[in-house]
Amino acid sequence: MSGASLHALRDLVELQMYLVAQSQNTPWPLLPRRKREQKEDRVPYSNPVEANAVRELMYAGFIEATSSRTFIASKSGIQFYEREIKNRISA
């Protein structure tokens, strides 16, 4: 999985964000799922997220649609994050 996809998944999980679908090959913006103040020292790695990174997350099943235009981290995406990404950060 590409670095861009890993960073996007990390942002979706850690910052509780969602992706807004765009037309083909257009970057997808990340927006907060809840209106609350985020840590000032932690901002999304890449906002918007490149379309090829979004496709990679989609094909892996790591994001799921919550409406026709919004996507959040799926259960398998969260599990992958906890197993693979979070452990790397903690180590």
C-alpha atoms as a PDB file:
ATOM      1  CA  MET A   1       0.000   0.000   0.000  1.00  0.00           C
ATOM      2  CA  SER A   2       1.317   3.435  -0.906  1.00  0.00           C
ATOM      3  CA  GLY A   3       2.394   6.009   1.646  1.00  0.00           C
ATOM      4  CA  ALA A   4      -0.397   8.348   0.542  1.00  0.00           C
ATOM      5  CA  SER A   5      -3.007   5.660   1.237  1.00  0.00           C
ATOM      6  CA  LEU A   6      -1.505   4.823   4.624  1.00  0.00           C
ATOM      7  CA  HIS A   7      -1.471   8.503   5.613  1.00  0.00           C
ATOM      8  CA  ALA A   8      -5.068   8.973   4.477  1.00  0.00           C
ATOM      9  CA  LEU A   9      -6.214   5.933   6.466  1.00  0.00           C
ATOM     10  CA  ARG A  10      -4.345   7.198   9.510  1.00  0.00           C
ATOM     11  CA  ASP A  11      -6.068  10.586   9.192  1.00  0.00           C
ATOM     12  CA  LEU A  12      -9.488   8.968   8.753  1.00  0.00           C
ATOM     13  CA  VAL A  13      -9.044   6.927  11.939  1.00  0.00           C
ATOM     14  CA  GLU A  14      -7.023   9.185  14.246  1.00  0.00           C
ATOM     15  CA  LEU A  15      -8.672  12.482  13.349  1.00  0.00           C
ATOM     16  CA  GLN A  16     -12.138  10.945  12.797  1.00  0.00           C
ATOM     17  CA  MET A  17     -12.526  12.384   9.323  1.00  0.00           C
ATOM     18  CA  TYR A  18     -14.432  11.456   6.192  1.00  0.00           C
ATOM     19  CA  LEU A  19     -13.725  11.749   2.478  1.00  0.00           C
ATOM     20  CA  VAL A  20     -16.025  13.556   0.063  1.00  0.00           C
ATOM     21  CA  ALA A  21     -16.241  11.889  -3.353  1.00  0.00           C
ATOM     22  CA  GLN A  22     -15.163  13.934  -6.365  1.00  0.00           C
ATOM     23  CA  SER A  23     -15.142  13.365 -10.086  1.00  0.00           C
ATOM     24  CA  GLN A  24     -12.606  10.943 -11.517  1.00  0.00           C
ATOM     25  CA  ASN A  25      -8.924  11.841 -10.980  1.00  0.00           C
ATOM     26  CA  THR A  26      -9.792  14.825  -8.775  1.00  0.00           C
ATOM     27  CA  PRO A  27      -8.398  14.879  -5.197  1.00  0.00           C
ATOM     28  CA  TRP A  28     -10.935  14.128  -2.460  1.00  0.00           C
ATOM     29  CA  PRO A  29     -11.170  16.526   0.522  1.00  0.00           C
ATOM     30  CA  LEU A  30     -10.999  15.239   4.094  1.00  0.00           C
ATOM     31  CA  LEU A  31     -13.479  16.790   6.523  1.00  0.00           C
ATOM     32  CA  PRO A  32     -13.953  16.269  10.285  1.00  0.00           C
ATOM     33  CA  ARG A  33     -16.783  13.911  11.239  1.00  0.00           C
ATOM     34  CA  ARG A  34     -17.634  15.960  14.293  1.00  0.00           C
ATOM     35  CA  LYS A  35     -17.473  19.638  15.034  1.00  0.00           C
ATOM     36  CA  ARG A  36     -14.809  19.732  17.703  1.00  0.00           C
ATOM     37  CA  GLU A  37     -11.425  21.254  18.101  1.00  0.00           C
ATOM     38  CA  GLN A  38      -8.616  19.094  16.823  1.00  0.00           C
ATOM     39  CA  LYS A  39      -5.172  19.062  18.314  1.00  0.00           C
ATOM     40  CA  GLU A  40      -3.342  21.998  16.824  1.00  0.00           C
ATOM     41  CA  ASP A  41      -0.170  19.948  16.440  1.00  0.00           C
ATOM     42  CA  ARG A  42      -1.890  17.225  14.383  1.00  0.00           C
ATOM     43  CA  VAL A  43      -3.304  18.128  10.991  1.00  0.00           C
ATOM     44  CA  PRO A  44      -4.066  15.791   8.079  1.00  0.00           C
ATOM     45  CA  TYR A  45      -0.980  14.680   6.166  1.00  0.00           C
ATOM     46  CA  SER A  46      -2.551  15.444   2.834  1.00  0.00           C
ATOM     47  CA  ASN A  47      -5.791  17.270   2.344  1.00  0.00           C
ATOM     48  CA  PRO A  48      -7.167  16.733  -0.218  1.00  0.00           C
ATOM     49  CA  VAL A  49      -6.244  13.074  -0.777  1.00  0.00           C
ATOM     50  CA  GLU A  50      -5.148  12.095  -4.273  1.00  0.00           C
ATOM     51  CA  ALA A  51      -7.697  10.022  -6.215  1.00  0.00           C
ATOM     52  CA  ASN A  52      -5.284   7.093  -6.728  1.00  0.00           C
ATOM     53  CA  ALA A  53      -4.790   6.819  -2.929  1.00  0.00           C
ATOM     54  CA  VAL A  54      -8.569   6.793  -2.442  1.00  0.00           C
ATOM     55  CA  ARG A  55      -8.944   4.066  -5.082  1.00  0.00           C
ATOM     56  CA  GLU A  56      -6.307   1.995  -3.316  1.00  0.00           C
ATOM     57  CA  LEU A  57      -8.198   2.279  -0.010  1.00  0.00           C
ATOM     58  CA  MET A  58     -11.452   1.417  -1.763  1.00  0.00           C
ATOM     59  CA  TYR A  59     -10.053  -1.678  -3.494  1.00  0.00           C
ATOM     60  CA  ALA A  60      -8.533  -2.879  -0.217  1.00  0.00           C
ATOM     61  CA  GLY A  61     -11.914  -2.441   1.492  1.00  0.00           C
ATOM     62  CA  PHE A  62     -10.476   0.039   3.996  1.00  0.00           C
ATOM     63  CA  ILE A  63     -13.130   2.716   3.377  1.00  0.00           C
ATOM     64  CA  GLU A  64     -16.893   2.411   3.033  1.00  0.00           C
ATOM     65  CA  ALA A  65     -19.653   4.665   1.791  1.00  0.00           C
ATOM     66  CA  THR A  66     -21.952   6.299   4.331  1.00  0.00           C
ATOM     67  CA  SER A  67     -23.873   8.093   1.582  1.00  0.00           C
ATOM     68  CA  SER A  68     -23.514   8.501  -2.156  1.00  0.00           C
ATOM     69  CA  ARG A  69     -20.643  10.982  -1.673  1.00  0.00           C
ATOM     70  CA  THR A  70     -19.087  10.367   1.744  1.00  0.00           C
ATOM     71  CA  PHE A  71     -16.670   7.638   2.838  1.00  0.00           C
ATOM     72  CA  ILE A  72     -15.275   6.700   6.256  1.00  0.00           C
ATOM     73  CA  ALA A  73     -12.790   4.098   7.464  1.00  0.00           C
ATOM     74  CA  SER A  74     -14.389   0.648   7.371  1.00  0.00           C
ATOM     75  CA  LYS A  75     -14.125  -1.924  10.143  1.00  0.00           C
ATOM     76  CA  SER A  76     -11.375  -3.729   8.228  1.00  0.00           C
ATOM     77  CA  GLY A  77      -9.633  -0.383   7.635  1.00  0.00           C
ATOM     78  CA  ILE A  78      -9.662   0.365  11.358  1.00  0.00           C
ATOM     79  CA  GLN A  79      -8.378  -3.137  12.136  1.00  0.00           C
ATOM     80  CA  PHE A  80      -5.581  -2.733   9.587  1.00  0.00           C
ATOM     81  CA  TYR A  81      -4.705   0.646  11.107  1.00  0.00           C
ATOM     82  CA  GLU A  82      -4.565  -0.821  14.627  1.00  0.00           C
ATOM     83  CA  ARG A  83      -2.555  -3.867  13.549  1.00  0.00           C
ATOM     84  CA  GLU A  84      -0.131  -2.346  11.029  1.00  0.00           C
ATOM     85  CA  ILE A  85       0.039   1.440  11.287  1.00  0.00           C
ATOM     86  CA  LYS A  86      -0.500   2.129  14.987  1.00  0.00           C
ATOM     87  CA  ASN A  87       2.095  -0.492  15.958  1.00  0.00           C
ATOM     88  CA  ARG A  88       4.701   1.146  13.707  1.00  0.00           C
ATOM     89  CA  ILE A  89       4.023   4.534  15.287  1.00  0.00           C
ATOM     90  CA  SER A  90       4.220   3.133  18.825  1.00  0.00           C
ATOM     91  CA  ALA A  91       7.443   1.234  18.221  1.00  0.00           C
END
